[in-house]
Amino acid sequence: MEKSTVMEKSMEKSMEKSMEKSMEKSIDTTQIVRPLARPLSRRIYLAVGFVCVGLGVLGIPLPLLPTTPFLLLAAYCFARGSDRWYRWLMSHQVLSPYILAFREKRGLTRHQKWRIAGLVTLTLLVTGAFSPYWQGRALAVFIWSTSMIGLYFTKPSLRE
């Protein structure tokens, strides 16, 4: 009986160490801001963080709602409100690349650029199609062309 409990404890410790090592690799813990002391402030930060995560997730498919600023604000709020939720956000498979790319001042991947270009094109095609005046269509074409030039020629492309 004692051997099985000793083995279980050693397995638990090794699992905890491996989880800590994997978390250390994915999260730079030196940049975590410690939670505030007051519980009400922590709750407010958590609430704002969850709202920002929701808006950031909505911003992924919606072209006019920005994703990265909301996720950056959510990371800040979670860092002030709860280490647990900050770690969750920074290790999330879909959401963390937006934050890490901004923090490390990297560019966008080709896939992200194509997705952005497609959504901007779709939005401006609909805008141009429903515009009753030729000036509105011309403005949509101008906005589309300048955004495509800015997207493809001023931002570096990352390898996926």
C-alpha atoms as a PDB file:
ATOM      1  CA  MET A   1       0.000   0.000   0.000  1.00  0.00           C
ATOM      2  CA  GLU A   2       2.748   2.454   0.876  1.00  0.00           C
ATOM      3  CA  LYS A   3       4.542   1.878  -2.430  1.00  0.00           C
ATOM      4  CA  SER A   4       1.437   2.772  -4.435  1.00  0.00           C
ATOM      5  CA  THR A   5       0.894   6.025  -2.520  1.00  0.00           C
ATOM      6  CA  VAL A   6       4.566   6.949  -2.851  1.00  0.00           C
ATOM      7  CA  MET A   7       4.401   6.237  -6.583  1.00  0.00           C
ATOM      8  CA  GLU A   8       1.205   8.261  -6.921  1.00  0.00           C
ATOM      9  CA  LYS A   9       2.763  11.200  -5.105  1.00  0.00           C
ATOM     10  CA  SER A  10       5.896  11.058  -7.238  1.00  0.00           C
ATOM     11  CA  MET A  11       3.770  10.889 -10.397  1.00  0.00           C
ATOM     12  CA  GLU A  12       1.754  13.891  -9.241  1.00  0.00           C
ATOM     13  CA  LYS A  13       4.935  15.850  -8.524  1.00  0.00           C
ATOM     14  CA  SER A  14       6.429  15.000 -11.907  1.00  0.00           C
ATOM     15  CA  MET A  15       3.186  15.991 -13.642  1.00  0.00           C
ATOM     16  CA  GLU A  16       3.128  19.300 -11.752  1.00  0.00           C
ATOM     17  CA  LYS A  17       6.756  19.984 -12.699  1.00  0.00           C
ATOM     18  CA  SER A  18       6.118  19.220 -16.362  1.00  0.00           C
ATOM     19  CA  MET A  19       3.030  21.460 -16.362  1.00  0.00           C
ATOM     20  CA  GLU A  20       5.029  24.266 -14.725  1.00  0.00           C
ATOM     21  CA  LYS A  21       7.800  23.898 -17.311  1.00  0.00           C
ATOM     22  CA  SER A  22       5.321  24.020 -20.197  1.00  0.00           C
ATOM     23  CA  MET A  23       3.637  27.082 -18.701  1.00  0.00           C
ATOM     24  CA  GLU A  24       7.034  28.785 -18.252  1.00  0.00           C
ATOM     25  CA  LYS A  25       7.830  28.253 -21.911  1.00  0.00           C
ATOM     26  CA  SER A  26       4.569  29.751 -23.140  1.00  0.00           C
ATOM     27  CA  ILE A  27       4.213  32.622 -20.667  1.00  0.00           C
ATOM     28  CA  ASP A  28       6.789  35.198 -19.735  1.00  0.00           C
ATOM     29  CA  THR A  29       5.992  35.424 -16.044  1.00  0.00           C
ATOM     30  CA  THR A  30       8.201  38.478 -15.544  1.00  0.00           C
ATOM     31  CA  GLN A  31       5.583  40.608 -17.290  1.00  0.00           C
ATOM     32  CA  ILE A  32       2.673  39.516 -15.118  1.00  0.00           C
ATOM     33  CA  VAL A  33       1.273  42.375 -13.068  1.00  0.00           C
ATOM     34  CA  ARG A  34       0.224  41.150  -9.659  1.00  0.00           C
ATOM     35  CA  PRO A  35      -3.482  41.301  -8.779  1.00  0.00           C
ATOM     36  CA  LEU A  36      -4.762  44.214  -6.767  1.00  0.00           C
ATOM     37  CA  ALA A  37      -5.394  43.775  -3.082  1.00  0.00           C
ATOM     38  CA  ARG A  38      -9.000  44.949  -3.079  1.00  0.00           C
ATOM     39  CA  PRO A  39     -11.541  42.282  -4.076  1.00  0.00           C
ATOM     40  CA  LEU A  40     -13.958  44.760  -5.664  1.00  0.00           C
ATOM     41  CA  SER A  41     -11.255  46.101  -7.984  1.00  0.00           C
ATOM     42  CA  ARG A  42     -10.285  42.558  -8.943  1.00  0.00           C
ATOM     43  CA  ARG A  43     -13.896  41.746  -9.819  1.00  0.00           C
ATOM     44  CA  ILE A  44     -14.189  44.869 -11.948  1.00  0.00           C
ATOM     45  CA  TYR A  45     -10.978  43.999 -13.786  1.00  0.00           C
ATOM     46  CA  LEU A  46     -12.226  40.447 -14.362  1.00  0.00           C
ATOM     47  CA  ALA A  47     -15.598  41.658 -15.664  1.00  0.00           C
ATOM     48  CA  VAL A  48     -13.960  44.126 -18.054  1.00  0.00           C
ATOM     49  CA  GLY A  49     -11.525  41.396 -19.116  1.00  0.00           C
ATOM     50  CA  PHE A  50     -14.322  38.979 -19.993  1.00  0.00           C
ATOM     51  CA  VAL A  51     -16.198  41.655 -21.936  1.00  0.00           C
ATOM     52  CA  CYS A  52     -13.013  42.447 -23.868  1.00  0.00           C
ATOM     53  CA  VAL A  53     -12.391  38.769 -24.621  1.00  0.00           C
ATOM     54  CA  GLY A  54     -15.948  38.516 -25.940  1.00  0.00           C
ATOM     55  CA  LEU A  55     -15.492  41.576 -28.137  1.00  0.00           C
ATOM     56  CA  GLY A  56     -12.114  40.291 -29.301  1.00  0.00           C
ATOM     57  CA  VAL A  57     -13.606  36.937 -30.271  1.00  0.00           C
ATOM     58  CA  LEU A  58     -16.384  38.738 -32.149  1.00  0.00           C
ATOM     59  CA  GLY A  59     -13.713  40.792 -33.895  1.00  0.00           C
ATOM     60  CA  ILE A  60     -12.097  37.721 -35.443  1.00  0.00           C
ATOM     61  CA  PRO A  61     -14.849  37.172 -38.049  1.00  0.00           C
ATOM     62  CA  LEU A  62     -16.232  40.730 -38.112  1.00  0.00           C
ATOM     63  CA  PRO A  63     -14.131  43.086 -40.229  1.00  0.00           C
ATOM     64  CA  LEU A  64     -14.977  46.378 -38.517  1.00  0.00           C
ATOM     65  CA  LEU A  65     -14.428  45.213 -34.935  1.00  0.00           C
ATOM     66  CA  PRO A  66     -10.718  45.088 -34.026  1.00  0.00           C
ATOM     67  CA  THR A  67      -9.471  41.950 -32.320  1.00  0.00           C
ATOM     68  CA  THR A  68      -6.020  42.792 -31.013  1.00  0.00           C
ATOM     69  CA  PRO A  69      -6.835  45.940 -28.984  1.00  0.00           C
ATOM     70  CA  PHE A  70      -9.620  44.162 -27.123  1.00  0.00           C
ATOM     71  CA  LEU A  71      -7.417  41.152 -26.399  1.00  0.00           C
ATOM     72  CA  LEU A  72      -4.599  43.416 -25.209  1.00  0.00           C
ATOM     73  CA  LEU A  73      -7.004  45.173 -22.865  1.00  0.00           C
ATOM     74  CA  ALA A  74      -8.310  41.800 -21.681  1.00  0.00           C
ATOM     75  CA  ALA A  75      -4.750  40.636 -20.968  1.00  0.00           C
ATOM     76  CA  TYR A  76      -4.109  43.792 -18.948  1.00  0.00           C
ATOM     77  CA  CYS A  77      -7.343  43.393 -16.993  1.00  0.00           C
ATOM     78  CA  PHE A  78      -6.750  39.708 -16.322  1.00  0.00           C
ATOM     79  CA  ALA A  79      -3.181  40.434 -15.201  1.00  0.00           C
ATOM     80  CA  ARG A  80      -4.559  42.923 -12.685  1.00  0.00           C
ATOM     81  CA  GLY A  81      -7.517  40.771 -11.669  1.00  0.00           C
ATOM     82  CA  SER A  82      -6.389  37.149 -11.686  1.00  0.00           C
ATOM     83  CA  ASP A  83      -3.207  35.265 -12.516  1.00  0.00           C
ATOM     84  CA  ARG A  84      -5.291  32.220 -13.398  1.00  0.00           C
ATOM     85  CA  TRP A  85      -7.289  33.982 -16.131  1.00  0.00           C
ATOM     86  CA  TYR A  86      -4.198  35.781 -17.403  1.00  0.00           C
ATOM     87  CA  ARG A  87      -2.422  32.438 -17.831  1.00  0.00           C
ATOM     88  CA  TRP A  88      -5.507  31.024 -19.555  1.00  0.00           C
ATOM     89  CA  LEU A  89      -5.603  33.887 -22.036  1.00  0.00           C
ATOM     90  CA  MET A  90      -1.851  33.834 -22.696  1.00  0.00           C
ATOM     91  CA  SER A  91      -1.849  30.082 -23.290  1.00  0.00           C
ATOM     92  CA  HIS A  92      -5.052  29.970 -25.362  1.00  0.00           C
ATOM     93  CA  GLN A  93      -4.473  28.335 -28.729  1.00  0.00           C
ATOM     94  CA  VAL A  94      -6.460  30.877 -30.771  1.00  0.00           C
ATOM     95  CA  LEU A  95      -6.311  34.105 -28.772  1.00  0.00           C
ATOM     96  CA  SER A  96      -2.727  34.255 -27.500  1.00  0.00           C
ATOM     97  CA  PRO A  97      -1.043  34.618 -30.934  1.00  0.00           C
ATOM     98  CA  TYR A  98      -2.709  38.031 -31.386  1.00  0.00           C
ATOM     99  CA  ILE A  99      -1.317  39.276 -28.076  1.00  0.00           C
ATOM    100  CA  LEU A 100       2.125  37.716 -28.463  1.00  0.00           C
ATOM    101  CA  ALA A 101       2.555  39.027 -31.998  1.00  0.00           C
ATOM    102  CA  PHE A 102       1.791  42.544 -30.802  1.00  0.00           C
ATOM    103  CA  ARG A 103       3.991  42.277 -27.723  1.00  0.00           C
ATOM    104  CA  GLU A 104       6.938  40.936 -29.708  1.00  0.00           C
ATOM    105  CA  LYS A 105       6.326  43.480 -32.517  1.00  0.00           C
ATOM    106  CA  ARG A 106       6.041  40.789 -35.149  1.00  0.00           C
ATOM    107  CA  GLY A 107       3.974  40.930 -38.328  1.00  0.00           C
ATOM    108  CA  LEU A 108       0.955  38.986 -39.504  1.00  0.00           C
ATOM    109  CA  THR A 109       1.012  35.521 -41.038  1.00  0.00           C
ATOM    110  CA  ARG A 110      -0.036  35.094 -44.653  1.00  0.00           C
ATOM    111  CA  HIS A 111      -3.196  33.332 -43.523  1.00  0.00           C
ATOM    112  CA  GLN A 112      -4.147  36.275 -41.304  1.00  0.00           C
ATOM    113  CA  LYS A 113      -3.454  38.720 -44.154  1.00  0.00           C
ATOM    114  CA  TRP A 114      -5.614  36.761 -46.602  1.00  0.00           C
ATOM    115  CA  ARG A 115      -8.442  36.574 -44.076  1.00  0.00           C
ATOM    116  CA  ILE A 116      -8.242  40.311 -43.399  1.00  0.00           C
ATOM    117  CA  ALA A 117      -8.094  41.103 -47.121  1.00  0.00           C
ATOM    118  CA  GLY A 118     -11.106  38.910 -47.842  1.00  0.00           C
ATOM    119  CA  LEU A 119     -13.235  40.438 -45.108  1.00  0.00           C
ATOM    120  CA  VAL A 120     -12.264  44.015 -46.038  1.00  0.00           C
ATOM    121  CA  THR A 121     -13.002  43.280 -49.693  1.00  0.00           C
ATOM    122  CA  LEU A 122     -16.387  41.777 -48.860  1.00  0.00           C
ATOM    123  CA  THR A 123     -17.322  44.694 -46.625  1.00  0.00           C
ATOM    124  CA  LEU A 124     -16.337  47.318 -49.190  1.00  0.00           C
ATOM    125  CA  LEU A 125     -18.054  45.447 -52.035  1.00  0.00           C
ATOM    126  CA  VAL A 126     -21.298  45.520 -50.068  1.00  0.00           C
ATOM    127  CA  THR A 127     -20.714  49.195 -49.231  1.00  0.00           C
ATOM    128  CA  GLY A 128     -20.084  50.057 -52.866  1.00  0.00           C
ATOM    129  CA  ALA A 129     -23.042  48.022 -54.089  1.00  0.00           C
ATOM    130  CA  PHE A 130     -25.498  49.783 -51.792  1.00  0.00           C
ATOM    131  CA  SER A 131     -24.064  53.261 -52.226  1.00  0.00           C
ATOM    132  CA  PRO A 132     -26.520  55.389 -54.245  1.00  0.00           C
ATOM    133  CA  TYR A 133     -23.855  57.845 -55.415  1.00  0.00           C
ATOM    134  CA  TRP A 134     -20.727  57.333 -57.480  1.00  0.00           C
ATOM    135  CA  GLN A 135     -18.706  59.199 -54.810  1.00  0.00           C
ATOM    136  CA  GLY A 136     -19.544  56.474 -52.302  1.00  0.00           C
ATOM    137  CA  ARG A 137     -18.363  53.785 -54.709  1.00  0.00           C
ATOM    138  CA  ALA A 138     -15.199  55.751 -55.460  1.00  0.00           C
ATOM    139  CA  LEU A 139     -14.547  56.152 -51.732  1.00  0.00           C
ATOM    140  CA  ALA A 140     -15.000  52.394 -51.197  1.00  0.00           C
ATOM    141  CA  VAL A 141     -12.517  51.650 -54.000  1.00  0.00           C
ATOM    142  CA  PHE A 142     -10.040  54.168 -52.535  1.00  0.00           C
ATOM    143  CA  ILE A 143     -10.324  52.705 -49.031  1.00  0.00           C
ATOM    144  CA  TRP A 144      -9.962  49.181 -50.394  1.00  0.00           C
ATOM    145  CA  SER A 145      -6.879  49.977 -52.472  1.00  0.00           C
ATOM    146  CA  THR A 146      -5.094  51.865 -49.701  1.00  0.00           C
ATOM    147  CA  SER A 147      -5.864  49.174 -47.119  1.00  0.00           C
ATOM    148  CA  MET A 148      -4.558  46.436 -49.433  1.00  0.00           C
ATOM    149  CA  ILE A 149      -1.382  48.416 -50.127  1.00  0.00           C
ATOM    150  CA  GLY A 150      -0.921  49.026 -46.422  1.00  0.00           C
ATOM    151  CA  LEU A 151      -1.617  45.425 -45.535  1.00  0.00           C
ATOM    152  CA  TYR A 152       0.704  43.825 -48.046  1.00  0.00           C
ATOM    153  CA  PHE A 153       3.525  46.316 -48.405  1.00  0.00           C
ATOM    154  CA  THR A 154       4.002  47.864 -44.990  1.00  0.00           C
ATOM    155  CA  LYS A 155       3.471  44.894 -42.657  1.00  0.00           C
ATOM    156  CA  PRO A 156       5.975  42.014 -42.644  1.00  0.00           C
ATOM    157  CA  SER A 157       4.674  38.517 -43.301  1.00  0.00           C
ATOM    158  CA  LEU A 158       5.501  35.769 -40.840  1.00  0.00           C
ATOM    159  CA  ARG A 159       5.927  32.133 -41.593  1.00  0.00           C
ATOM    160  CA  GLU A 160       3.208  30.023 -40.027  1.00  0.00           C
END
